[in-house]
Amino acid sequence: MKYFLAGMMALLAVSCVVPEEWHVQYDKSIVPGPVTDVEVENVNGGAIISYTFPSDVDKKDMLGAKVVYSLTTDGELMERWTSAEKDTIVLEGYGDTETRFVTVYTVHKNGNVSEGVAALIKPLTPPIFLIRETMKAAATFGGVQITWDNPLRKDMGIGLYAEDSITHEMVLFDKYFSNGIDGKITFRYFEPEEQNFRIEMFDRWQNYAQPLETTLTPLEEVDIESMDERNIPIWTLFDDGRVSAAVSALRFLYRCDIHDDPYDPAFAHYSFANACDWENRGTASIWFPGINATREWYVPGAGNGMLPYPLYVTMDMGREAVYSRVWYLPFARTPNFSGDLPVEFDIWGTNNPKTIEEVECPYGIYPKGSREANQAYWSSWEFTNGTDAWKNDGWVKFASCKYLLSDGTNRWYDGLVLSPEDLAQYTSLGYYFDFDLGVTESFRYLRWEIHSVSSDARRLRLHSLRFWGSYVD
């Protein structure tokens, strides 16, 4: 132990550097001159102050500049600093558009401060007020859905207040924070009865916009059951024997679906059943369809290139339901957001999908029920002569979903930086998508039409999948 401690002390002696004591090194009699050429650019909620450092002191001897200001007329004085390497200071956090003075100083490394130079600023409309103008609230399944636009990507928060049924006071239900460009949040777990709500929007400096008072009636919502009482999946990939008795392990190729690979034992534990069991999910339990998703796998002789978009997955949910939203937890691989998750997709529903034997060729060329006829019917892929004719045969699109990171992108790329909000969704919270409230039909069969995933792999990897809505029976 004594040798270990001695080694640690030696390491610390080598690695630690004593901070430079500028106030000792520099002549205390030197007082820097004031800044010159001060200019102001007023921006939403603040101002950008630019200036020129004095020429009477070597710039390398300057610590930097600071602006002394207050967010309100009689508020606390604050300071905003920047180094001598920059010639601008950004002020933000103002909750009004009043004209006011701020004072700019230069600071020498000896600690001395110059005379102040006053600058007149007049902030433009604070961002939180601009965001408030775009805010909308609507009743949704199980709660209240709020949307807004935040093109400046400013940190903001939303508080939902609900009326207490006994005291009739407005009580805070929950808060949500975001800096995403396209904002949307749904506050859930409300009874399906008429209620009064108040929605407050605020920024990090506690500037509050005008509250929105509204009366809404949330819709009833339940879990769409994915497992039965014996813990056997209710949901299956379509055409596993429930619809057609003539089942082949390769029938999914006829429908152009990405699917569990029936011939690769190494991937048997990546089946769709894993996605159904969201309550008992584990880090190693994932759904990984489309292992061999290449052109050659679907059409012999088509080459080994990747499948084109869209990717298709067809599901039998076992029972008719009206759908309100979907949630999935992605496979959180490294680098972050590279885990092959769907970021842009449509979901279609029907109660009468055609079996493979029933499909006729859209061109009238190939035999009824043939692979060629089905692939032309079930896809839009050029190399299968696809027509997407299935969309005109009783299927209804009830969801058009697009996920965007807080910076407005939806693809992984080298050097991608995720915000805390983005990272939390990717690693633990998962992704929620609300569906079109105007579609009230019930469906048993769903088809995902996936237009983009987060990586270049054109495949899916999900830990868990969950749907909500209501049953009609």
Protein backbone atom coordinates (compact mmCIF):
# COMPACT_ATOMS: atom_id res chain seq x y z
CA MET A 1 0.00 0.00 0.00
CA LYS A 2 2.81 2.46 0.83
CA TYR A 3 4.36 1.91 -2.63
CA PHE A 4 0.96 2.49 -4.22
CA LEU A 5 0.48 5.77 -2.31
CA ALA A 6 3.99 6.89 -3.16
CA GLY A 7 3.34 6.21 -6.83
CA MET A 8 0.08 8.13 -6.74
CA MET A 9 1.76 11.12 -5.13
CA ALA A 10 4.45 11.09 -7.80
CA LEU A 11 1.80 10.90 -10.53
CA LEU A 12 -0.11 13.81 -9.07
CA ALA A 13 3.07 15.85 -8.81
CA VAL A 14 3.70 15.34 -12.50
CA SER A 15 0.15 15.68 -13.80
CA CYS A 16 -1.15 18.63 -11.76
CA VAL A 17 -0.38 22.12 -12.97
CA VAL A 18 -0.73 25.12 -10.70
CA PRO A 19 -3.06 27.71 -12.31
CA GLU A 20 -1.34 30.78 -13.64
CA GLU A 21 -1.49 33.60 -11.09
CA TRP A 22 -1.95 36.54 -13.43
CA HIS A 23 -2.51 39.13 -10.70
CA VAL A 24 1.06 38.43 -9.47
CA GLN A 25 2.76 38.35 -12.88
CA TYR A 26 1.36 41.60 -14.24
CA ASP A 27 1.99 45.19 -13.19
CA LYS A 28 -1.00 46.24 -11.09
CA SER A 29 -0.66 49.82 -12.25
CA ILE A 30 -1.80 48.95 -15.79
CA VAL A 31 -5.42 49.89 -16.42
CA PRO A 32 -6.77 48.88 -19.84
CA GLY A 33 -8.51 51.40 -22.01
CA PRO A 34 -12.23 51.02 -22.84
CA VAL A 35 -13.61 49.16 -25.83
CA THR A 36 -14.36 51.08 -29.02
CA ASP A 37 -16.60 50.64 -32.04
CA VAL A 38 -19.41 49.18 -29.96
CA GLU A 39 -22.28 47.86 -32.09
CA VAL A 40 -25.56 46.23 -31.11
CA GLU A 41 -27.58 43.62 -32.99
CA ASN A 42 -30.93 43.16 -31.30
CA VAL A 43 -32.23 39.58 -31.42
CA ASN A 44 -35.22 37.72 -30.00
CA GLY A 45 -34.99 37.92 -26.23
CA GLY A 46 -31.59 39.62 -26.19
CA ALA A 47 -28.80 41.31 -28.10
CA ILE A 48 -25.37 40.63 -29.56
CA ILE A 49 -22.77 43.21 -28.48
CA SER A 50 -19.69 43.56 -30.66
CA TYR A 51 -16.68 45.78 -29.95
CA THR A 52 -12.97 46.38 -30.54
CA PHE A 53 -10.38 45.90 -27.81
CA PRO A 54 -8.19 48.93 -26.93
CA SER A 55 -4.85 49.26 -28.69
CA ASP A 56 -2.98 50.59 -25.63
CA VAL A 57 -2.56 47.08 -24.16
CA ASP A 58 -1.19 43.99 -25.89
CA LYS A 59 -4.13 41.70 -26.58
CA LYS A 60 -2.30 38.70 -25.13
CA ASP A 61 -2.28 40.54 -21.80
CA MET A 62 -6.05 40.99 -21.81
CA LEU A 63 -8.26 38.57 -19.89
CA GLY A 64 -11.27 39.52 -21.99
CA ALA A 65 -14.40 41.63 -21.83
CA LYS A 66 -17.59 41.63 -19.82
CA VAL A 67 -21.03 43.18 -20.05
CA VAL A 68 -22.90 44.23 -16.92
CA TYR A 69 -26.66 44.11 -17.39
CA SER A 70 -29.99 43.36 -15.77
CA LEU A 71 -32.95 41.44 -17.19
CA THR A 72 -35.45 43.82 -15.61
CA THR A 73 -35.48 47.54 -14.79
CA ASP A 74 -34.82 47.08 -11.08
CA GLY A 75 -33.43 43.56 -11.24
CA GLU A 76 -30.16 42.06 -10.05
CA LEU A 77 -27.05 43.14 -11.92
CA MET A 78 -25.38 40.28 -13.75
CA GLU A 79 -22.18 39.85 -15.74
CA ARG A 80 -21.54 38.10 -19.03
CA TRP A 81 -17.89 37.41 -19.90
CA THR A 82 -15.93 36.38 -22.95
CA SER A 83 -12.25 35.85 -23.66
CA ALA A 84 -9.90 38.17 -25.52
CA GLU A 85 -10.09 35.78 -28.48
CA LYS A 86 -13.63 36.94 -29.24
CA ASP A 87 -15.11 40.33 -30.02
CA THR A 88 -18.79 39.65 -29.26
CA ILE A 89 -20.90 38.91 -26.20
CA VAL A 90 -24.42 37.47 -26.46
CA LEU A 91 -27.06 38.56 -23.97
CA GLU A 92 -30.28 36.55 -23.63
CA GLY A 93 -33.14 35.95 -21.24
CA TYR A 94 -35.10 39.19 -21.59
CA GLY A 95 -38.84 38.86 -21.15
CA ASP A 96 -39.86 42.11 -22.86
CA THR A 97 -38.86 44.49 -25.66
CA GLU A 98 -38.07 47.53 -23.52
CA THR A 99 -35.09 49.76 -24.37
CA ARG A 100 -32.29 49.67 -21.76
CA PHE A 101 -28.60 50.36 -21.27
CA VAL A 102 -25.87 47.80 -20.69
CA THR A 103 -22.22 48.53 -19.90
CA VAL A 104 -19.20 46.98 -21.62
CA TYR A 105 -15.79 46.69 -19.89
CA THR A 106 -12.37 45.34 -20.79
CA VAL A 107 -10.52 43.29 -18.18
CA HIS A 108 -6.73 43.00 -17.87
CA LYS A 109 -5.06 39.84 -16.60
CA ASN A 110 -3.91 41.82 -13.58
CA GLY A 111 -7.58 42.11 -12.58
CA ASN A 112 -8.02 45.78 -13.43
CA VAL A 113 -11.15 46.83 -15.29
CA SER A 114 -11.52 49.65 -17.79
CA GLU A 115 -14.02 52.44 -17.75
CA GLY A 116 -17.41 51.29 -18.88
CA VAL A 117 -18.92 52.04 -22.27
CA ALA A 118 -22.73 52.20 -22.34
CA ALA A 119 -24.66 50.54 -25.13
CA LEU A 120 -28.37 50.83 -25.84
CA ILE A 121 -30.23 47.60 -26.57
CA LYS A 122 -33.87 46.85 -27.44
CA PRO A 123 -34.48 43.07 -27.50
CA LEU A 124 -36.88 41.68 -30.06
CA THR A 125 -39.90 39.59 -29.06
CA PRO A 126 -38.76 36.91 -26.60
CA PRO A 127 -38.69 33.40 -28.16
CA ILE A 128 -41.14 31.99 -25.61
CA PHE A 129 -43.82 34.42 -26.85
CA LEU A 130 -43.19 33.41 -30.46
CA ILE A 131 -43.44 29.75 -29.51
CA ARG A 132 -46.68 30.46 -27.61
CA GLU A 133 -48.28 31.83 -30.78
CA THR A 134 -47.91 28.40 -32.40
CA MET A 135 -49.10 26.32 -29.44
CA LYS A 136 -52.19 24.15 -29.91
CA ALA A 137 -53.94 21.74 -27.56
CA ALA A 138 -56.33 18.91 -28.38
CA ALA A 139 -57.94 15.97 -26.62
CA THR A 140 -56.37 12.65 -27.47
CA PHE A 141 -56.51 9.09 -26.24
CA GLY A 142 -55.99 9.16 -22.50
CA GLY A 143 -55.09 12.82 -22.23
CA VAL A 144 -54.12 16.13 -23.81
CA GLN A 145 -51.81 16.59 -26.78
CA ILE A 146 -49.89 19.88 -27.12
CA THR A 147 -47.91 20.95 -30.19
CA TRP A 148 -45.72 23.98 -30.96
CA ASP A 149 -42.96 25.28 -33.24
CA ASN A 150 -39.52 26.25 -31.91
CA PRO A 151 -37.41 27.14 -34.97
CA LEU A 152 -34.77 28.90 -32.84
CA ARG A 153 -34.29 25.73 -30.73
CA LYS A 154 -34.55 27.59 -27.45
CA ASP A 155 -34.83 25.74 -24.13
CA MET A 156 -38.42 25.92 -23.00
CA GLY A 157 -40.88 24.17 -20.71
CA ILE A 158 -44.58 23.38 -20.63
CA GLY A 159 -46.66 22.92 -17.49
CA LEU A 160 -50.09 21.28 -17.62
CA TYR A 161 -52.55 22.16 -14.87
CA ALA A 162 -55.81 20.25 -14.34
CA GLU A 163 -58.80 21.33 -12.28
CA ASP A 164 -59.18 19.52 -8.96
CA SER A 165 -62.67 17.99 -8.86
CA ILE A 166 -63.12 18.86 -5.16
CA THR A 167 -61.44 22.24 -4.65
CA HIS A 168 -61.81 23.34 -8.28
CA GLU A 169 -58.31 24.76 -8.09
CA MET A 170 -55.89 24.33 -11.00
CA VAL A 171 -53.24 21.85 -9.85
CA LEU A 172 -49.95 21.15 -11.62
CA PHE A 173 -50.15 17.72 -13.28
CA ASP A 174 -46.71 17.57 -14.91
CA LYS A 175 -44.00 19.53 -16.71
CA TYR A 176 -42.08 18.85 -19.88
CA PHE A 177 -38.86 20.44 -21.16
CA SER A 178 -37.54 20.57 -24.71
CA ASN A 179 -35.51 22.49 -27.27
CA GLY A 180 -36.73 20.53 -30.29
CA ILE A 181 -37.75 22.33 -33.47
CA ASP A 182 -41.10 20.57 -33.85
CA GLY A 183 -42.50 20.23 -30.34
CA LYS A 184 -45.15 17.74 -29.29
CA ILE A 185 -46.04 16.20 -25.94
CA THR A 186 -49.04 14.24 -24.73
CA PHE A 187 -49.94 14.28 -21.03
CA ARG A 188 -51.84 11.09 -20.29
CA TYR A 189 -53.68 9.09 -17.61
CA PHE A 190 -56.81 11.23 -17.52
CA GLU A 191 -60.30 9.82 -17.27
CA PRO A 192 -62.50 10.12 -20.38
CA GLU A 193 -64.61 12.96 -19.01
CA GLU A 194 -64.82 16.70 -19.64
CA GLN A 195 -62.14 18.60 -17.71
CA ASN A 196 -60.69 22.10 -17.47
CA PHE A 197 -57.00 22.54 -18.20
CA ARG A 198 -54.48 25.38 -18.12
CA ILE A 199 -51.26 25.18 -20.12
CA GLU A 200 -48.31 27.39 -19.19
CA MET A 201 -45.24 27.89 -21.36
CA PHE A 202 -42.00 29.27 -19.91
CA ASP A 203 -38.28 29.58 -20.64
CA ARG A 204 -35.15 28.96 -18.57
CA TRP A 205 -35.25 32.51 -17.18
CA GLN A 206 -38.80 32.00 -15.91
CA ASN A 207 -40.38 34.22 -18.51
CA TYR A 208 -43.98 33.04 -18.85
CA ALA A 209 -46.19 33.42 -21.90
CA GLN A 210 -49.94 33.94 -21.70
CA PRO A 211 -51.51 30.68 -20.37
CA LEU A 212 -53.90 28.72 -22.55
CA GLU A 213 -57.19 27.90 -20.81
CA THR A 214 -59.18 25.08 -22.41
CA THR A 215 -61.87 22.48 -21.71
CA LEU A 216 -61.29 19.04 -23.22
CA THR A 217 -62.62 15.51 -22.96
CA PRO A 218 -59.83 12.90 -23.23
CA LEU A 219 -60.65 9.74 -25.18
CA GLU A 220 -60.64 6.33 -23.53
CA GLU A 221 -57.42 4.38 -24.15
CA VAL A 222 -56.19 0.87 -23.26
CA ASP A 223 -53.18 -1.29 -24.03
CA ILE A 224 -53.54 -3.39 -27.17
CA GLU A 225 -52.67 -6.75 -25.65
CA SER A 226 -49.60 -8.40 -27.14
CA MET A 227 -49.35 -11.49 -24.89
CA ASP A 228 -52.03 -13.86 -23.62
CA GLU A 229 -52.44 -15.24 -20.09
CA ARG A 230 -49.97 -18.06 -20.89
CA ASN A 231 -47.35 -15.49 -21.96
CA ILE A 232 -47.67 -16.52 -25.61
CA PRO A 233 -47.60 -13.73 -28.20
CA ILE A 234 -50.97 -12.68 -29.56
CA TRP A 235 -49.35 -10.63 -32.31
CA THR A 236 -47.65 -12.49 -35.14
CA LEU A 237 -46.15 -11.67 -38.50
CA PHE A 238 -48.93 -12.09 -41.03
CA ASP A 239 -49.52 -15.40 -42.83
CA ASP A 240 -47.99 -17.73 -40.30
CA GLY A 241 -50.85 -20.21 -40.72
CA ARG A 242 -53.72 -18.25 -39.19
CA VAL A 243 -55.08 -17.10 -42.56
CA SER A 244 -53.95 -19.65 -45.11
CA ALA A 245 -53.44 -23.36 -44.51
CA ALA A 246 -50.84 -23.67 -47.28
CA VAL A 247 -47.95 -22.19 -45.36
CA SER A 248 -44.40 -21.99 -46.63
CA ALA A 249 -41.48 -20.66 -44.62
CA LEU A 250 -40.71 -18.32 -47.51
CA ARG A 251 -44.18 -16.90 -48.06
CA PHE A 252 -43.06 -13.54 -46.66
CA LEU A 253 -40.85 -13.18 -49.74
CA TYR A 254 -43.97 -13.11 -51.89
CA ARG A 255 -45.26 -10.15 -49.88
CA CYS A 256 -41.87 -8.39 -49.94
CA ASP A 257 -41.87 -8.25 -46.13
CA ILE A 258 -38.71 -8.12 -44.07
CA HIS A 259 -39.18 -11.04 -41.73
CA ASP A 260 -37.67 -13.37 -39.18
CA ASP A 261 -35.16 -15.56 -41.02
CA PRO A 262 -36.55 -19.15 -40.92
CA TYR A 263 -33.30 -20.77 -42.08
CA ASP A 264 -30.62 -19.22 -39.89
CA PRO A 265 -30.49 -20.80 -36.39
CA ALA A 266 -28.00 -18.12 -35.30
CA PHE A 267 -30.79 -15.54 -35.47
CA ALA A 268 -33.64 -17.66 -34.09
CA HIS A 269 -33.55 -15.70 -30.82
CA TYR A 270 -34.20 -12.43 -32.70
CA SER A 271 -37.84 -13.24 -33.51
CA PHE A 272 -40.88 -10.97 -33.55
CA ALA A 273 -42.02 -12.59 -30.28
CA ASN A 274 -39.32 -10.57 -28.49
CA ALA A 275 -40.90 -7.29 -29.57
CA CYS A 276 -44.30 -8.45 -28.28
CA ASP A 277 -43.03 -9.15 -24.77
CA TRP A 278 -42.37 -5.53 -23.81
CA GLU A 279 -42.99 -6.12 -20.09
CA ASN A 280 -40.14 -8.64 -19.80
CA ARG A 281 -37.72 -7.07 -22.22
CA GLY A 282 -34.00 -7.51 -21.69
CA THR A 283 -30.95 -5.96 -23.28
CA ALA A 284 -30.28 -9.13 -25.30
CA SER A 285 -33.92 -9.64 -26.32
CA ILE A 286 -34.45 -7.90 -29.64
CA TRP A 287 -36.45 -8.25 -32.82
CA PHE A 288 -34.06 -8.27 -35.75
CA PRO A 289 -35.94 -9.00 -39.01
CA GLY A 290 -34.47 -8.82 -42.47
CA ILE A 291 -31.11 -10.43 -41.67
CA ASN A 292 -30.73 -11.44 -45.29
CA ALA A 293 -32.58 -8.45 -46.70
CA THR A 294 -30.91 -8.24 -50.10
CA ARG A 295 -32.38 -8.23 -53.60
CA GLU A 296 -31.01 -11.70 -54.23
CA TRP A 297 -32.93 -13.08 -51.22
CA TYR A 298 -36.26 -11.90 -52.68
CA VAL A 299 -35.70 -12.29 -56.40
CA PRO A 300 -33.02 -14.80 -57.48
CA GLY A 301 -30.73 -13.16 -60.00
CA ALA A 302 -31.55 -9.59 -58.87
CA GLY A 303 -28.09 -9.11 -57.38
CA ASN A 304 -26.92 -8.72 -53.80
CA GLY A 305 -27.63 -5.01 -53.36
CA MET A 306 -29.69 -3.79 -50.40
CA LEU A 307 -33.44 -3.61 -50.66
CA PRO A 308 -34.86 -0.28 -51.77
CA TYR A 309 -37.17 1.78 -49.61
CA PRO A 310 -39.84 1.37 -48.47
CA LEU A 311 -39.34 -1.63 -46.21
CA TYR A 312 -42.51 -3.59 -45.43
CA VAL A 313 -43.65 -5.51 -42.34
CA THR A 314 -47.16 -7.02 -42.10
CA MET A 315 -48.63 -7.99 -38.73
CA ASP A 316 -51.63 -9.94 -37.50
CA MET A 317 -52.70 -8.36 -34.21
CA GLY A 318 -55.13 -11.17 -33.41
CA ARG A 319 -58.11 -8.89 -32.76
CA GLU A 320 -59.66 -5.74 -34.17
CA ALA A 321 -58.83 -2.46 -32.48
CA VAL A 322 -58.81 1.30 -33.07
CA TYR A 323 -55.22 2.51 -32.72
CA SER A 324 -54.13 5.70 -30.98
CA ARG A 325 -50.33 5.47 -30.78
CA VAL A 326 -47.27 3.25 -30.91
CA TRP A 327 -44.09 3.07 -28.84
CA TYR A 328 -40.88 1.24 -29.51
CA LEU A 329 -37.60 0.91 -27.65
CA PRO A 330 -34.67 0.78 -30.10
CA PHE A 331 -31.58 -1.38 -29.98
CA ALA A 332 -29.20 1.12 -28.35
CA ARG A 333 -25.96 0.23 -30.04
CA THR A 334 -22.83 2.39 -30.27
CA PRO A 335 -22.43 4.96 -31.82
CA ASN A 336 -25.59 6.49 -30.43
CA PHE A 337 -28.58 6.61 -32.79
CA SER A 338 -26.98 4.14 -35.23
CA GLY A 339 -29.19 1.25 -34.11
CA ASP A 340 -31.34 0.75 -37.24
CA LEU A 341 -34.53 2.28 -35.84
CA PRO A 342 -37.41 3.41 -38.07
CA VAL A 343 -37.58 7.20 -38.20
CA GLU A 344 -40.07 7.76 -41.01
CA PHE A 345 -42.92 5.35 -41.66
CA ASP A 346 -46.62 4.93 -42.41
CA ILE A 347 -48.92 2.37 -40.83
CA TRP A 348 -51.87 0.90 -42.73
CA GLY A 349 -54.73 -1.25 -41.48
CA THR A 350 -57.30 -3.65 -42.87
CA ASN A 351 -59.52 -6.54 -41.84
CA ASN A 352 -59.47 -8.38 -45.15
CA PRO A 353 -55.92 -8.75 -46.48
CA LYS A 354 -55.51 -10.92 -49.52
CA THR A 355 -53.70 -14.19 -49.02
CA ILE A 356 -50.94 -15.08 -51.45
CA GLU A 357 -53.24 -17.45 -53.35
CA GLU A 358 -55.80 -14.68 -53.91
CA VAL A 359 -53.47 -12.09 -55.44
CA GLU A 360 -53.79 -11.45 -59.15
CA CYS A 361 -51.06 -9.85 -61.20
CA PRO A 362 -51.63 -6.07 -61.60
CA TYR A 363 -50.39 -6.39 -65.20
CA GLY A 364 -52.37 -9.53 -66.01
CA ILE A 365 -49.13 -11.26 -67.04
CA TYR A 366 -48.13 -13.61 -64.22
CA PRO A 367 -50.24 -16.47 -62.85
CA LYS A 368 -52.56 -15.75 -59.95
CA GLY A 369 -50.83 -16.45 -56.63
CA SER A 370 -47.34 -16.58 -58.16
CA ARG A 371 -44.34 -14.92 -56.57
CA GLU A 372 -44.13 -12.45 -59.46
CA ALA A 373 -47.82 -11.49 -59.19
CA ASN A 374 -47.59 -11.01 -55.42
CA GLN A 375 -44.42 -8.97 -55.49
CA ALA A 376 -45.85 -6.65 -58.12
CA TYR A 377 -48.99 -6.28 -55.97
CA TRP A 378 -47.36 -5.92 -52.52
CA SER A 379 -44.46 -3.55 -53.24
CA SER A 380 -43.41 -0.43 -55.12
CA TRP A 381 -39.94 -1.81 -55.79
CA GLU A 382 -38.76 -1.27 -59.35
CA PHE A 383 -36.90 -4.57 -59.54
CA THR A 384 -40.14 -6.49 -58.75
CA ASN A 385 -42.23 -4.34 -61.13
CA GLY A 386 -44.06 -3.18 -58.01
CA THR A 387 -47.27 -1.16 -58.14
CA ASP A 388 -48.32 -0.96 -54.46
CA ALA A 389 -51.73 -2.15 -55.65
CA TRP A 390 -52.48 -3.43 -52.13
CA LYS A 391 -53.07 0.17 -51.00
CA ASN A 392 -56.17 0.36 -53.22
CA ASP A 393 -57.58 -2.92 -51.94
CA GLY A 394 -59.16 -2.12 -48.58
CA TRP A 395 -56.12 -0.85 -46.67
CA VAL A 396 -56.44 2.46 -44.76
CA LYS A 397 -53.46 4.61 -43.75
CA PHE A 398 -54.04 5.74 -40.17
CA ALA A 399 -50.55 6.86 -39.17
CA SER A 400 -47.84 8.88 -40.88
CA CYS A 401 -44.91 9.11 -38.48
CA LYS A 402 -41.65 11.02 -38.68
CA TYR A 403 -39.11 11.34 -35.91
CA LEU A 404 -36.66 14.23 -35.81
CA LEU A 405 -33.80 14.75 -33.40
CA SER A 406 -33.79 18.07 -31.57
CA ASP A 407 -31.58 19.57 -34.31
CA GLY A 408 -34.08 18.64 -37.04
CA THR A 409 -32.17 15.67 -38.51
CA ASN A 410 -33.10 11.98 -38.36
CA ARG A 411 -29.98 10.16 -39.56
CA TRP A 412 -26.88 8.97 -37.77
CA TYR A 413 -23.64 10.46 -39.08
CA ASP A 414 -20.04 10.58 -37.94
CA GLY A 415 -19.73 13.17 -35.19
CA LEU A 416 -23.45 13.31 -34.40
CA VAL A 417 -24.05 15.02 -31.04
CA LEU A 418 -27.28 14.14 -29.24
CA SER A 419 -28.98 16.49 -26.80
CA PRO A 420 -29.88 15.06 -23.36
CA GLU A 421 -33.47 14.75 -24.62
CA ASP A 422 -32.38 12.81 -27.72
CA LEU A 423 -30.07 10.56 -25.73
CA ALA A 424 -32.71 9.71 -23.12
CA GLN A 425 -35.18 8.65 -25.80
CA TYR A 426 -32.60 6.52 -27.58
CA THR A 427 -31.21 4.72 -24.55
CA SER A 428 -34.13 4.31 -22.16
CA LEU A 429 -37.38 6.15 -22.87
CA GLY A 430 -38.06 4.97 -26.41
CA TYR A 431 -40.09 6.71 -29.08
CA TYR A 432 -43.81 7.53 -29.07
CA PHE A 433 -45.87 8.35 -32.15
CA ASP A 434 -49.47 9.57 -31.95
CA PHE A 435 -51.81 8.57 -34.76
CA ASP A 436 -54.39 10.49 -36.76
CA LEU A 437 -57.38 11.04 -34.46
CA GLY A 438 -59.62 11.32 -37.51
CA VAL A 439 -59.33 7.59 -38.27
CA THR A 440 -61.80 5.77 -36.02
CA GLU A 441 -61.99 2.46 -37.90
CA SER A 442 -60.85 -0.74 -36.23
CA PHE A 443 -58.29 -3.09 -37.79
CA ARG A 444 -56.83 -6.52 -37.12
CA TYR A 445 -54.00 -6.47 -39.68
CA LEU A 446 -51.36 -3.74 -39.79
CA ARG A 447 -48.70 -3.01 -42.38
CA TRP A 448 -45.65 -0.86 -41.72
CA GLU A 449 -44.34 0.98 -44.76
CA ILE A 450 -40.93 2.21 -43.60
CA HIS A 451 -39.40 5.00 -45.66
CA SER A 452 -36.23 5.60 -43.64
CA VAL A 453 -34.21 4.16 -40.76
CA SER A 454 -31.54 5.92 -38.73
CA SER A 455 -28.62 4.06 -40.36
CA ASP A 456 -27.62 3.03 -43.87
CA ALA A 457 -28.30 -0.66 -43.18
CA ARG A 458 -31.98 -0.71 -44.26
CA ARG A 459 -33.07 -3.13 -41.58
CA LEU A 460 -34.73 -2.98 -38.16
CA ARG A 461 -33.53 -3.75 -34.66
CA LEU A 462 -36.00 -3.12 -31.85
CA HIS A 463 -36.17 -4.26 -28.24
CA SER A 464 -39.90 -3.79 -27.74
CA LEU A 465 -43.07 -2.71 -29.48
CA ARG A 466 -46.29 -1.47 -27.90
CA PHE A 467 -49.63 -0.18 -29.22
CA TRP A 468 -52.51 1.63 -27.53
CA GLY A 469 -56.06 2.35 -28.58
CA SER A 470 -59.48 0.84 -27.88
CA TYR A 471 -61.28 -2.39 -28.68
CA VAL A 472 -64.62 -2.42 -30.47
CA ASP A 473 -65.85 -5.70 -28.97
